[in-house]
Amino acid sequence: MAYSVSRRKKIVVLAPIALLASMYIVYRQLAHAYGNQFAWYAGFWVYWLGWGAVFSFAVAGKEEILKLIRPRKPNHKIVLFVIFPLIITVIFRVATGTQYAKPSFLWTVLLISTAFGNGFFEEILWRGIYYSFFPKSIFYGIIWPACWFALWHYIPGSLSPNSNVIGLVIGSGLFGLYLGFLSRKTGTIWWCMVCHSIGGILMVM
């Protein structure tokens, strides 16, 4: 039986609490069994498929998700909106010393793949469904998901000995706020996905 829109809104608002609790357990169990490096990457797949895909599609529906990710033709203003946070990302990385260990070429490839996975699934989860359910609410549509998006980064970030976890959390929160603004400015999360993916590559390279 399908839930009403008001019921689904409540689910969307409370979902980050369950997400953080469940993913903390997943990451810790994986780290205990297989080590931090494997847990860091494998945990993302659980997160992408479980929360980014299954949860998002279940709560918002396939048609709404496809509408949200539909590309829009860029103009000069959109290009500037996409480039600006990428410049800030580079400055942030240099200023905080945030980096990821790359012991092998394979691990470098895996790191780059997380940029695309996060760029796609996280934008559906943290920008898309909140934009869909709360199109007129700055708090629930932008601020609320950005705060939880920031806190979420502590979980995988705490498994990386080379990352500045506090800096990662703060930077992610500010980035989340900006992407929430970008989704409303462009009427799609397509450019958020592009911006997030490129920003992720800049962070891990």
N, C-alpha and C. Protein backbone atom coordinates (compact mmCIF):
# COMPACT_ATOMS: atom_id res chain seq x y z
N MET A 1 0.83 -1.19 0.00
CA MET A 1 0.00 0.00 0.00
C MET A 1 0.87 1.25 0.00
N ALA A 2 0.62 2.17 -0.93
CA ALA A 2 1.44 3.36 -1.07
C ALA A 2 1.15 4.34 0.06
N TYR A 3 2.21 4.95 0.58
CA TYR A 3 2.06 5.94 1.63
C TYR A 3 1.60 7.27 1.03
N SER A 4 0.89 8.06 1.83
CA SER A 4 0.47 9.38 1.40
C SER A 4 1.69 10.29 1.30
N VAL A 5 1.52 11.42 0.61
CA VAL A 5 2.63 12.37 0.46
C VAL A 5 3.08 12.88 1.82
N SER A 6 2.14 13.19 2.72
CA SER A 6 2.52 13.69 4.04
C SER A 6 3.30 12.65 4.84
N ARG A 7 2.94 11.38 4.69
CA ARG A 7 3.65 10.30 5.38
C ARG A 7 5.06 10.15 4.81
N ARG A 8 5.16 10.26 3.50
CA ARG A 8 6.48 10.15 2.88
C ARG A 8 7.38 11.33 3.23
N LYS A 9 6.78 12.51 3.40
CA LYS A 9 7.56 13.66 3.84
C LYS A 9 8.16 13.42 5.22
N LYS A 10 7.41 12.85 6.11
CA LYS A 10 7.90 12.54 7.45
C LYS A 10 9.04 11.52 7.37
N ILE A 11 8.86 10.55 6.51
CA ILE A 11 9.90 9.53 6.33
C ILE A 11 11.19 10.16 5.83
N VAL A 12 11.05 11.06 4.85
CA VAL A 12 12.22 11.74 4.28
C VAL A 12 12.93 12.59 5.33
N VAL A 13 12.18 13.27 6.17
CA VAL A 13 12.76 14.12 7.20
C VAL A 13 13.52 13.30 8.23
N LEU A 14 12.98 12.16 8.61
CA LEU A 14 13.59 11.33 9.66
C LEU A 14 14.62 10.33 9.14
N ALA A 15 14.62 10.10 7.84
CA ALA A 15 15.49 9.08 7.24
C ALA A 15 16.97 9.26 7.57
N PRO A 16 17.52 10.50 7.61
CA PRO A 16 18.95 10.64 7.90
C PRO A 16 19.38 10.04 9.23
N ILE A 17 18.50 10.02 10.21
CA ILE A 17 18.84 9.43 11.51
C ILE A 17 19.09 7.93 11.34
N ALA A 18 18.18 7.27 10.61
CA ALA A 18 18.34 5.84 10.35
C ALA A 18 19.54 5.58 9.46
N LEU A 19 19.77 6.49 8.51
CA LEU A 19 20.92 6.33 7.60
C LEU A 19 22.23 6.35 8.37
N LEU A 20 22.42 7.36 9.21
CA LEU A 20 23.67 7.45 9.95
C LEU A 20 23.85 6.28 10.90
N ALA A 21 22.79 5.87 11.58
CA ALA A 21 22.90 4.75 12.52
C ALA A 21 23.24 3.46 11.79
N SER A 22 22.54 3.19 10.71
CA SER A 22 22.76 1.93 9.97
C SER A 22 24.13 1.91 9.30
N MET A 23 24.53 3.04 8.70
CA MET A 23 25.81 3.06 7.99
C MET A 23 26.99 3.05 8.95
N TYR A 24 26.81 3.59 10.14
CA TYR A 24 27.87 3.51 11.15
C TYR A 24 28.14 2.05 11.50
N ILE A 25 27.06 1.30 11.68
CA ILE A 25 27.19 -0.13 12.01
C ILE A 25 27.83 -0.88 10.85
N VAL A 26 27.38 -0.59 9.62
CA VAL A 26 27.93 -1.26 8.44
C VAL A 26 29.42 -1.01 8.31
N TYR A 27 29.83 0.24 8.41
CA TYR A 27 31.25 0.58 8.27
C TYR A 27 32.10 -0.05 9.37
N ARG A 28 31.60 -0.01 10.60
CA ARG A 28 32.38 -0.57 11.71
C ARG A 28 32.51 -2.09 11.59
N GLN A 29 31.44 -2.75 11.18
CA GLN A 29 31.49 -4.20 11.02
C GLN A 29 32.43 -4.58 9.88
N LEU A 30 32.37 -3.85 8.77
CA LEU A 30 33.26 -4.11 7.65
C LEU A 30 34.72 -3.85 8.03
N ALA A 31 34.94 -2.78 8.76
CA ALA A 31 36.30 -2.45 9.17
C ALA A 31 36.86 -3.51 10.12
N HIS A 32 36.01 -3.99 11.01
CA HIS A 32 36.44 -5.03 11.96
C HIS A 32 36.77 -6.33 11.24
N ALA A 33 36.00 -6.66 10.22
CA ALA A 33 36.19 -7.93 9.52
C ALA A 33 37.27 -7.88 8.44
N TYR A 34 37.36 -6.73 7.73
CA TYR A 34 38.23 -6.69 6.55
C TYR A 34 39.25 -5.56 6.54
N GLY A 35 39.23 -4.69 7.52
CA GLY A 35 40.17 -3.59 7.54
C GLY A 35 39.54 -2.29 7.03
N ASN A 36 40.14 -1.17 7.40
CA ASN A 36 39.57 0.13 7.08
C ASN A 36 39.49 0.43 5.59
N GLN A 37 40.52 0.05 4.85
CA GLN A 37 40.55 0.40 3.43
C GLN A 37 39.42 -0.27 2.67
N PHE A 38 39.25 -1.57 2.88
CA PHE A 38 38.15 -2.29 2.23
C PHE A 38 36.80 -1.76 2.69
N ALA A 39 36.68 -1.52 3.99
CA ALA A 39 35.42 -1.04 4.55
C ALA A 39 35.03 0.31 3.97
N TRP A 40 36.02 1.19 3.78
CA TRP A 40 35.76 2.52 3.23
C TRP A 40 35.08 2.42 1.87
N TYR A 41 35.62 1.55 1.00
CA TYR A 41 35.06 1.45 -0.35
C TYR A 41 33.79 0.62 -0.39
N ALA A 42 33.80 -0.54 0.26
CA ALA A 42 32.63 -1.42 0.24
C ALA A 42 31.43 -0.75 0.90
N GLY A 43 31.69 0.04 1.94
CA GLY A 43 30.61 0.75 2.61
C GLY A 43 29.88 1.70 1.70
N PHE A 44 30.63 2.32 0.78
CA PHE A 44 29.99 3.21 -0.19
C PHE A 44 28.98 2.48 -1.05
N TRP A 45 29.29 1.25 -1.44
CA TRP A 45 28.35 0.50 -2.28
C TRP A 45 27.07 0.18 -1.52
N VAL A 46 27.19 -0.15 -0.26
CA VAL A 46 25.99 -0.37 0.57
C VAL A 46 25.17 0.91 0.64
N TYR A 47 25.86 2.01 0.86
CA TYR A 47 25.24 3.34 0.95
C TYR A 47 24.58 3.75 -0.37
N TRP A 48 25.29 3.60 -1.47
CA TRP A 48 24.74 3.97 -2.79
C TRP A 48 23.51 3.16 -3.14
N LEU A 49 23.65 1.83 -3.04
CA LEU A 49 22.56 0.97 -3.47
C LEU A 49 21.39 0.98 -2.48
N GLY A 50 21.71 0.93 -1.19
CA GLY A 50 20.65 0.87 -0.19
C GLY A 50 19.90 2.17 -0.01
N TRP A 51 20.65 3.25 0.17
CA TRP A 51 20.03 4.55 0.44
C TRP A 51 19.87 5.40 -0.81
N GLY A 52 20.94 5.50 -1.60
CA GLY A 52 20.86 6.33 -2.80
C GLY A 52 19.91 5.80 -3.85
N ALA A 53 19.83 4.48 -3.99
CA ALA A 53 18.98 3.88 -5.01
C ALA A 53 17.65 3.38 -4.45
N VAL A 54 17.69 2.33 -3.63
CA VAL A 54 16.46 1.68 -3.16
C VAL A 54 15.58 2.64 -2.38
N PHE A 55 16.15 3.32 -1.37
CA PHE A 55 15.33 4.22 -0.56
C PHE A 55 14.79 5.39 -1.39
N SER A 56 15.67 6.02 -2.16
CA SER A 56 15.25 7.20 -2.93
C SER A 56 14.16 6.87 -3.94
N PHE A 57 14.33 5.78 -4.66
CA PHE A 57 13.32 5.40 -5.65
C PHE A 57 12.02 4.96 -4.98
N ALA A 58 12.14 4.32 -3.82
CA ALA A 58 10.94 3.86 -3.12
C ALA A 58 10.11 5.03 -2.60
N VAL A 59 10.79 6.05 -2.09
CA VAL A 59 10.06 7.16 -1.49
C VAL A 59 9.60 8.21 -2.50
N ALA A 60 10.38 8.41 -3.58
CA ALA A 60 10.04 9.44 -4.55
C ALA A 60 9.41 8.89 -5.82
N GLY A 61 9.77 7.65 -6.19
CA GLY A 61 9.23 7.06 -7.41
C GLY A 61 10.15 7.27 -8.60
N LYS A 62 10.12 6.33 -9.52
CA LYS A 62 11.00 6.36 -10.69
C LYS A 62 10.79 7.59 -11.55
N GLU A 63 9.54 7.93 -11.82
CA GLU A 63 9.25 9.06 -12.70
C GLU A 63 9.76 10.38 -12.12
N GLU A 64 9.62 10.56 -10.83
CA GLU A 64 10.09 11.79 -10.19
C GLU A 64 11.61 11.87 -10.23
N ILE A 65 12.28 10.75 -9.99
CA ILE A 65 13.74 10.73 -10.02
C ILE A 65 14.24 11.06 -11.42
N LEU A 66 13.63 10.45 -12.43
CA LEU A 66 14.04 10.72 -13.81
C LEU A 66 13.82 12.18 -14.18
N LYS A 67 12.75 12.76 -13.67
CA LYS A 67 12.48 14.17 -13.93
C LYS A 67 13.54 15.06 -13.27
N LEU A 68 13.95 14.68 -12.07
CA LEU A 68 14.94 15.47 -11.33
C LEU A 68 16.31 15.47 -11.99
N ILE A 69 16.69 14.33 -12.60
CA ILE A 69 18.04 14.23 -13.16
C ILE A 69 18.09 14.59 -14.64
N ARG A 70 16.96 15.04 -15.19
CA ARG A 70 16.94 15.39 -16.61
C ARG A 70 17.88 16.56 -16.87
N PRO A 71 18.79 16.40 -17.85
CA PRO A 71 19.74 17.49 -18.15
C PRO A 71 19.02 18.74 -18.67
N ARG A 72 19.55 19.88 -18.33
CA ARG A 72 19.06 21.16 -18.84
C ARG A 72 20.20 21.84 -19.59
N LYS A 73 19.86 22.53 -20.65
CA LYS A 73 20.87 23.20 -21.45
C LYS A 73 21.57 24.27 -20.62
N PRO A 74 22.91 24.28 -20.61
CA PRO A 74 23.62 25.26 -19.78
C PRO A 74 23.63 26.64 -20.43
N ASN A 75 23.71 27.65 -19.59
CA ASN A 75 23.98 29.00 -20.06
C ASN A 75 25.18 29.53 -19.28
N HIS A 76 25.57 30.76 -19.54
CA HIS A 76 26.77 31.31 -18.90
C HIS A 76 26.63 31.33 -17.38
N LYS A 77 25.43 31.62 -16.90
CA LYS A 77 25.21 31.70 -15.46
C LYS A 77 25.37 30.33 -14.81
N ILE A 78 24.81 29.28 -15.43
CA ILE A 78 24.92 27.93 -14.89
C ILE A 78 26.38 27.49 -14.86
N VAL A 79 27.12 27.79 -15.93
CA VAL A 79 28.54 27.42 -15.98
C VAL A 79 29.29 28.06 -14.82
N LEU A 80 29.01 29.32 -14.54
CA LEU A 80 29.66 30.02 -13.42
C LEU A 80 29.26 29.39 -12.09
N PHE A 81 27.98 29.00 -11.95
CA PHE A 81 27.51 28.37 -10.72
C PHE A 81 28.20 27.03 -10.49
N VAL A 82 28.54 26.32 -11.56
CA VAL A 82 29.21 25.03 -11.44
C VAL A 82 30.70 25.21 -11.16
N ILE A 83 31.32 26.18 -11.81
CA ILE A 83 32.77 26.38 -11.66
C ILE A 83 33.13 26.94 -10.28
N PHE A 84 32.31 27.84 -9.75
CA PHE A 84 32.63 28.50 -8.48
C PHE A 84 32.96 27.53 -7.35
N PRO A 85 32.08 26.55 -7.04
CA PRO A 85 32.41 25.65 -5.92
C PRO A 85 33.62 24.76 -6.20
N LEU A 86 33.93 24.53 -7.47
CA LEU A 86 35.10 23.71 -7.80
C LEU A 86 36.38 24.46 -7.45
N ILE A 87 36.38 25.76 -7.66
CA ILE A 87 37.52 26.58 -7.25
C ILE A 87 37.65 26.56 -5.73
N ILE A 88 36.53 26.69 -5.05
CA ILE A 88 36.53 26.64 -3.58
C ILE A 88 37.02 25.28 -3.09
N THR A 89 36.65 24.21 -3.79
CA THR A 89 37.09 22.86 -3.41
C THR A 89 38.60 22.75 -3.43
N VAL A 90 39.22 23.28 -4.47
CA VAL A 90 40.67 23.24 -4.58
C VAL A 90 41.31 24.04 -3.45
N ILE A 91 40.76 25.21 -3.18
CA ILE A 91 41.28 26.05 -2.09
C ILE A 91 41.12 25.33 -0.75
N PHE A 92 39.95 24.71 -0.54
CA PHE A 92 39.68 23.98 0.70
C PHE A 92 40.67 22.83 0.89
N ARG A 93 40.92 22.09 -0.18
CA ARG A 93 41.83 20.95 -0.07
C ARG A 93 43.24 21.40 0.28
N VAL A 94 43.70 22.46 -0.35
CA VAL A 94 45.03 22.97 -0.07
C VAL A 94 45.12 23.53 1.36
N ALA A 95 44.07 24.25 1.77
CA ALA A 95 44.08 24.90 3.08
C ALA A 95 44.01 23.90 4.23
N THR A 96 43.23 22.82 4.06
CA THR A 96 43.04 21.86 5.15
C THR A 96 43.97 20.66 5.07
N GLY A 97 44.62 20.48 3.93
CA GLY A 97 45.50 19.33 3.78
C GLY A 97 44.75 18.03 3.62
N THR A 98 43.46 18.10 3.25
CA THR A 98 42.66 16.88 3.06
C THR A 98 43.19 16.09 1.88
N GLN A 99 43.45 14.80 2.10
CA GLN A 99 43.95 13.96 1.03
C GLN A 99 43.62 12.50 1.32
N TYR A 100 43.71 11.69 0.28
CA TYR A 100 43.43 10.27 0.42
C TYR A 100 44.68 9.47 0.01
N ALA A 101 44.97 8.45 0.81
CA ALA A 101 46.11 7.58 0.49
C ALA A 101 45.84 6.84 -0.81
N LYS A 102 46.86 6.79 -1.67
CA LYS A 102 46.72 6.09 -2.96
C LYS A 102 47.91 5.14 -3.11
N PRO A 103 47.85 3.99 -2.42
CA PRO A 103 49.00 3.08 -2.42
C PRO A 103 49.23 2.35 -3.74
N SER A 104 48.25 2.35 -4.63
CA SER A 104 48.40 1.64 -5.90
C SER A 104 47.53 2.30 -6.97
N PHE A 105 47.81 1.94 -8.22
CA PHE A 105 47.02 2.47 -9.35
C PHE A 105 45.57 2.02 -9.23
N LEU A 106 45.36 0.75 -8.84
CA LEU A 106 44.01 0.23 -8.69
C LEU A 106 43.23 1.03 -7.65
N TRP A 107 43.88 1.34 -6.54
CA TRP A 107 43.19 2.10 -5.50
C TRP A 107 42.86 3.51 -5.98
N THR A 108 43.73 4.08 -6.81
CA THR A 108 43.46 5.40 -7.39
C THR A 108 42.21 5.34 -8.26
N VAL A 109 42.08 4.28 -9.05
CA VAL A 109 40.90 4.09 -9.90
C VAL A 109 39.64 3.94 -9.04
N LEU A 110 39.75 3.18 -7.97
CA LEU A 110 38.61 3.00 -7.08
C LEU A 110 38.20 4.33 -6.43
N LEU A 111 39.18 5.14 -6.06
CA LEU A 111 38.89 6.43 -5.47
C LEU A 111 38.14 7.33 -6.46
N ILE A 112 38.60 7.32 -7.70
CA ILE A 112 37.94 8.13 -8.73
C ILE A 112 36.51 7.64 -8.95
N SER A 113 36.31 6.33 -8.88
CA SER A 113 34.96 5.78 -9.09
C SER A 113 34.00 6.26 -8.00
N THR A 114 34.51 6.50 -6.79
CA THR A 114 33.63 6.99 -5.72
C THR A 114 33.12 8.39 -6.03
N ALA A 115 33.92 9.17 -6.77
CA ALA A 115 33.47 10.52 -7.14
C ALA A 115 32.21 10.45 -7.99
N PHE A 116 32.18 9.50 -8.92
CA PHE A 116 31.01 9.36 -9.79
C PHE A 116 29.84 8.73 -9.04
N GLY A 117 30.14 7.75 -8.18
CA GLY A 117 29.08 7.12 -7.39
C GLY A 117 28.42 8.12 -6.46
N ASN A 118 29.24 8.91 -5.78
CA ASN A 118 28.69 9.93 -4.89
C ASN A 118 27.98 11.03 -5.67
N GLY A 119 28.57 11.42 -6.78
CA GLY A 119 27.96 12.46 -7.59
C GLY A 119 26.56 12.10 -8.07
N PHE A 120 26.34 10.83 -8.35
CA PHE A 120 25.03 10.39 -8.83
C PHE A 120 24.08 10.09 -7.68
N PHE A 121 24.45 9.14 -6.83
CA PHE A 121 23.52 8.67 -5.80
C PHE A 121 23.31 9.68 -4.67
N GLU A 122 24.36 10.39 -4.27
CA GLU A 122 24.18 11.36 -3.19
C GLU A 122 23.31 12.54 -3.62
N GLU A 123 23.42 12.93 -4.87
CA GLU A 123 22.58 14.05 -5.33
C GLU A 123 21.11 13.66 -5.40
N ILE A 124 20.84 12.43 -5.79
CA ILE A 124 19.46 11.94 -5.75
C ILE A 124 18.95 11.94 -4.31
N LEU A 125 19.78 11.42 -3.41
CA LEU A 125 19.38 11.24 -2.02
C LEU A 125 19.30 12.55 -1.25
N TRP A 126 20.35 13.37 -1.31
CA TRP A 126 20.43 14.55 -0.45
C TRP A 126 19.89 15.83 -1.08
N ARG A 127 19.85 15.90 -2.38
CA ARG A 127 19.28 17.08 -3.03
C ARG A 127 17.96 16.74 -3.72
N GLY A 128 17.94 15.66 -4.49
CA GLY A 128 16.77 15.35 -5.30
C GLY A 128 15.48 15.16 -4.54
N ILE A 129 15.47 14.22 -3.58
CA ILE A 129 14.20 13.91 -2.92
C ILE A 129 13.75 15.06 -2.01
N TYR A 130 14.70 15.82 -1.46
CA TYR A 130 14.31 16.97 -0.62
C TYR A 130 13.78 18.12 -1.48
N TYR A 131 14.35 18.28 -2.65
CA TYR A 131 13.84 19.28 -3.59
C TYR A 131 12.45 18.88 -4.06
N SER A 132 12.24 17.58 -4.25
CA SER A 132 10.95 17.07 -4.71
C SER A 132 9.85 17.25 -3.67
N PHE A 133 10.15 16.92 -2.41
CA PHE A 133 9.13 16.97 -1.36
C PHE A 133 8.99 18.34 -0.70
N PHE A 134 10.05 19.15 -0.74
CA PHE A 134 10.01 20.46 -0.07
C PHE A 134 10.50 21.56 -1.02
N PRO A 135 9.83 21.73 -2.15
CA PRO A 135 10.31 22.71 -3.15
C PRO A 135 10.27 24.16 -2.68
N LYS A 136 9.44 24.47 -1.68
CA LYS A 136 9.31 25.85 -1.23
C LYS A 136 9.90 26.09 0.16
N SER A 137 10.47 25.06 0.75
CA SER A 137 11.02 25.18 2.11
C SER A 137 12.54 25.26 2.07
N ILE A 138 13.08 26.40 2.50
CA ILE A 138 14.54 26.54 2.56
C ILE A 138 15.12 25.62 3.64
N PHE A 139 14.40 25.50 4.77
CA PHE A 139 14.93 24.68 5.86
C PHE A 139 14.93 23.20 5.50
N TYR A 140 13.75 22.64 5.19
CA TYR A 140 13.68 21.20 4.91
C TYR A 140 14.20 20.85 3.52
N GLY A 141 14.20 21.79 2.62
CA GLY A 141 14.67 21.50 1.26
C GLY A 141 16.16 21.65 1.08
N ILE A 142 16.80 22.52 1.88
CA ILE A 142 18.23 22.79 1.70
C ILE A 142 19.03 22.61 2.99
N ILE A 143 18.64 23.30 4.06
CA ILE A 143 19.44 23.30 5.29
C ILE A 143 19.44 21.95 6.00
N TRP A 144 18.26 21.36 6.18
CA TRP A 144 18.16 20.08 6.87
C TRP A 144 18.99 18.99 6.20
N PRO A 145 18.83 18.74 4.89
CA PRO A 145 19.65 17.69 4.28
C PRO A 145 21.13 18.03 4.26
N ALA A 146 21.48 19.32 4.14
CA ALA A 146 22.90 19.69 4.12
C ALA A 146 23.58 19.39 5.45
N CYS A 147 22.86 19.60 6.56
CA CYS A 147 23.41 19.30 7.89
C CYS A 147 23.69 17.80 8.04
N TRP A 148 22.74 16.99 7.63
CA TRP A 148 22.91 15.54 7.74
C TRP A 148 23.93 15.02 6.73
N PHE A 149 23.97 15.64 5.57
CA PHE A 149 24.97 15.31 4.54
C PHE A 149 26.37 15.53 5.12
N ALA A 150 26.53 16.62 5.88
CA ALA A 150 27.82 16.90 6.51
C ALA A 150 28.16 15.84 7.56
N LEU A 151 27.21 15.53 8.43
CA LEU A 151 27.45 14.54 9.49
C LEU A 151 27.73 13.16 8.93
N TRP A 152 27.08 12.81 7.83
CA TRP A 152 27.31 11.51 7.19
C TRP A 152 28.79 11.33 6.84
N HIS A 153 29.45 12.40 6.42
CA HIS A 153 30.84 12.28 5.98
C HIS A 153 31.81 11.90 7.09
N TYR A 154 31.37 12.07 8.33
CA TYR A 154 32.24 11.65 9.44
C TYR A 154 32.46 10.14 9.42
N ILE A 155 31.45 9.38 9.01
CA ILE A 155 31.52 7.92 9.08
C ILE A 155 32.60 7.35 8.16
N PRO A 156 32.54 7.59 6.84
CA PRO A 156 33.64 7.08 6.01
C PRO A 156 34.94 7.84 6.24
N GLY A 157 34.84 9.15 6.56
CA GLY A 157 36.04 9.94 6.78
C GLY A 157 36.85 9.47 7.96
N SER A 158 36.19 8.92 8.98
CA SER A 158 36.89 8.46 10.18
C SER A 158 37.72 7.21 9.92
N LEU A 159 37.48 6.55 8.80
CA LEU A 159 38.25 5.35 8.47
C LEU A 159 39.49 5.66 7.65
N SER A 160 39.63 6.90 7.23
CA SER A 160 40.78 7.28 6.41
C SER A 160 41.80 8.02 7.28
N PRO A 161 42.98 7.42 7.51
CA PRO A 161 43.98 8.05 8.38
C PRO A 161 44.57 9.33 7.80
N ASN A 162 44.39 9.55 6.49
CA ASN A 162 44.98 10.71 5.83
C ASN A 162 44.00 11.86 5.65
N SER A 163 42.78 11.73 6.15
CA SER A 163 41.80 12.79 5.93
C SER A 163 41.61 13.64 7.18
N ASN A 164 41.33 14.91 6.95
CA ASN A 164 40.98 15.84 8.02
C ASN A 164 39.48 15.72 8.22
N VAL A 165 39.05 14.91 9.20
CA VAL A 165 37.63 14.56 9.33
C VAL A 165 36.77 15.78 9.63
N ILE A 166 37.22 16.62 10.55
CA ILE A 166 36.43 17.81 10.90
C ILE A 166 36.33 18.74 9.70
N GLY A 167 37.44 18.94 9.02
CA GLY A 167 37.43 19.78 7.82
C GLY A 167 36.52 19.19 6.74
N LEU A 168 36.52 17.86 6.63
CA LEU A 168 35.67 17.19 5.65
C LEU A 168 34.20 17.40 5.96
N VAL A 169 33.84 17.29 7.24
CA VAL A 169 32.45 17.48 7.66
C VAL A 169 31.99 18.91 7.38
N ILE A 170 32.80 19.88 7.78
CA ILE A 170 32.44 21.29 7.58
C ILE A 170 32.35 21.62 6.09
N GLY A 171 33.35 21.19 5.34
CA GLY A 171 33.36 21.45 3.91
C GLY A 171 32.18 20.81 3.20
N SER A 172 31.83 19.59 3.60
CA SER A 172 30.70 18.89 3.00
C SER A 172 29.39 19.61 3.28
N GLY A 173 29.27 20.13 4.51
CA GLY A 173 28.06 20.86 4.86
C GLY A 173 27.88 22.11 4.01
N LEU A 174 28.96 22.86 3.84
CA LEU A 174 28.90 24.08 3.02
C LEU A 174 28.63 23.73 1.56
N PHE A 175 29.26 22.65 1.10
CA PHE A 175 29.05 22.20 -0.28
C PHE A 175 27.60 21.76 -0.47
N GLY A 176 27.05 21.08 0.53
CA GLY A 176 25.66 20.64 0.47
C GLY A 176 24.69 21.80 0.39
N LEU A 177 24.97 22.84 1.16
CA LEU A 177 24.13 24.05 1.10
C LEU A 177 24.17 24.66 -0.29
N TYR A 178 25.36 24.72 -0.85
CA TYR A 178 25.50 25.33 -2.18
C TYR A 178 24.79 24.49 -3.24
N LEU A 179 24.92 23.18 -3.16
CA LEU A 179 24.27 22.31 -4.14
C LEU A 179 22.75 22.38 -4.01
N GLY A 180 22.26 22.56 -2.79
CA GLY A 180 20.82 22.74 -2.60
C GLY A 180 20.35 24.01 -3.30
N PHE A 181 21.15 25.07 -3.17
CA PHE A 181 20.86 26.32 -3.86
C PHE A 181 20.91 26.12 -5.38
N LEU A 182 21.92 25.39 -5.85
CA LEU A 182 22.10 25.16 -7.28
C LEU A 182 20.92 24.38 -7.87
N SER A 183 20.41 23.40 -7.13
CA SER A 183 19.28 22.61 -7.63
C SER A 183 18.06 23.49 -7.85
N ARG A 184 17.85 24.44 -6.98
CA ARG A 184 16.70 25.34 -7.12
C ARG A 184 16.93 26.40 -8.20
N LYS A 185 18.15 26.81 -8.35
CA LYS A 185 18.48 27.82 -9.35
C LYS A 185 18.34 27.26 -10.76
N THR A 186 18.63 25.97 -10.94
CA THR A 186 18.60 25.36 -12.26
C THR A 186 17.35 24.52 -12.51
N GLY A 187 16.59 24.18 -11.45
CA GLY A 187 15.40 23.37 -11.60
C GLY A 187 15.68 21.90 -11.91
N THR A 188 16.89 21.45 -11.61
CA THR A 188 17.29 20.07 -11.84
C THR A 188 18.46 19.73 -10.92
N ILE A 189 18.71 18.44 -10.70
CA ILE A 189 19.90 18.07 -9.94
C ILE A 189 21.01 17.60 -10.88
N TRP A 190 20.77 17.72 -12.18
CA TRP A 190 21.78 17.31 -13.17
C TRP A 190 23.09 18.06 -12.96
N TRP A 191 23.01 19.39 -12.82
CA TRP A 191 24.23 20.18 -12.66
C TRP A 191 24.84 19.98 -11.28
N CYS A 192 24.04 19.62 -10.32
CA CYS A 192 24.59 19.24 -9.01
C CYS A 192 25.42 17.97 -9.14
N MET A 193 24.94 17.02 -9.95
CA MET A 193 25.68 15.78 -10.18
C MET A 193 27.01 16.05 -10.86
N VAL A 194 26.98 16.93 -11.86
CA VAL A 194 28.21 17.28 -12.57
C VAL A 194 29.20 17.94 -11.62
N CYS A 195 28.71 18.92 -10.88
CA CYS A 195 29.54 19.66 -9.94
C CYS A 195 30.11 18.74 -8.86
N HIS A 196 29.27 17.89 -8.31
CA HIS A 196 29.67 16.97 -7.24
C HIS A 196 30.72 15.97 -7.75
N SER A 197 30.50 15.43 -8.93
CA SER A 197 31.45 14.44 -9.48
C SER A 197 32.81 15.04 -9.74
N ILE A 198 32.83 16.21 -10.37
CA ILE A 198 34.12 16.87 -10.65
C ILE A 198 34.79 17.27 -9.34
N GLY A 199 33.99 17.80 -8.41
CA GLY A 199 34.55 18.17 -7.10
C GLY A 199 35.13 16.96 -6.38
N GLY A 200 34.47 15.80 -6.49
CA GLY A 200 34.99 14.58 -5.88
C GLY A 200 36.31 14.15 -6.47
N ILE A 201 36.44 14.28 -7.79
CA ILE A 201 37.70 13.94 -8.45
C ILE A 201 38.82 14.85 -7.97
N LEU A 202 38.50 16.14 -7.86
CA LEU A 202 39.51 17.10 -7.39
C LEU A 202 39.94 16.79 -5.96
N MET A 203 39.04 16.25 -5.16
CA MET A 203 39.36 15.92 -3.77
C MET A 203 40.25 14.70 -3.65
N VAL A 204 40.02 13.69 -4.48
CA VAL A 204 40.75 12.43 -4.32
C VAL A 204 42.03 12.35 -5.12
N MET A 205 42.19 13.19 -6.12
CA MET A 205 43.39 13.14 -6.95
C MET A 205 44.59 13.78 -6.25
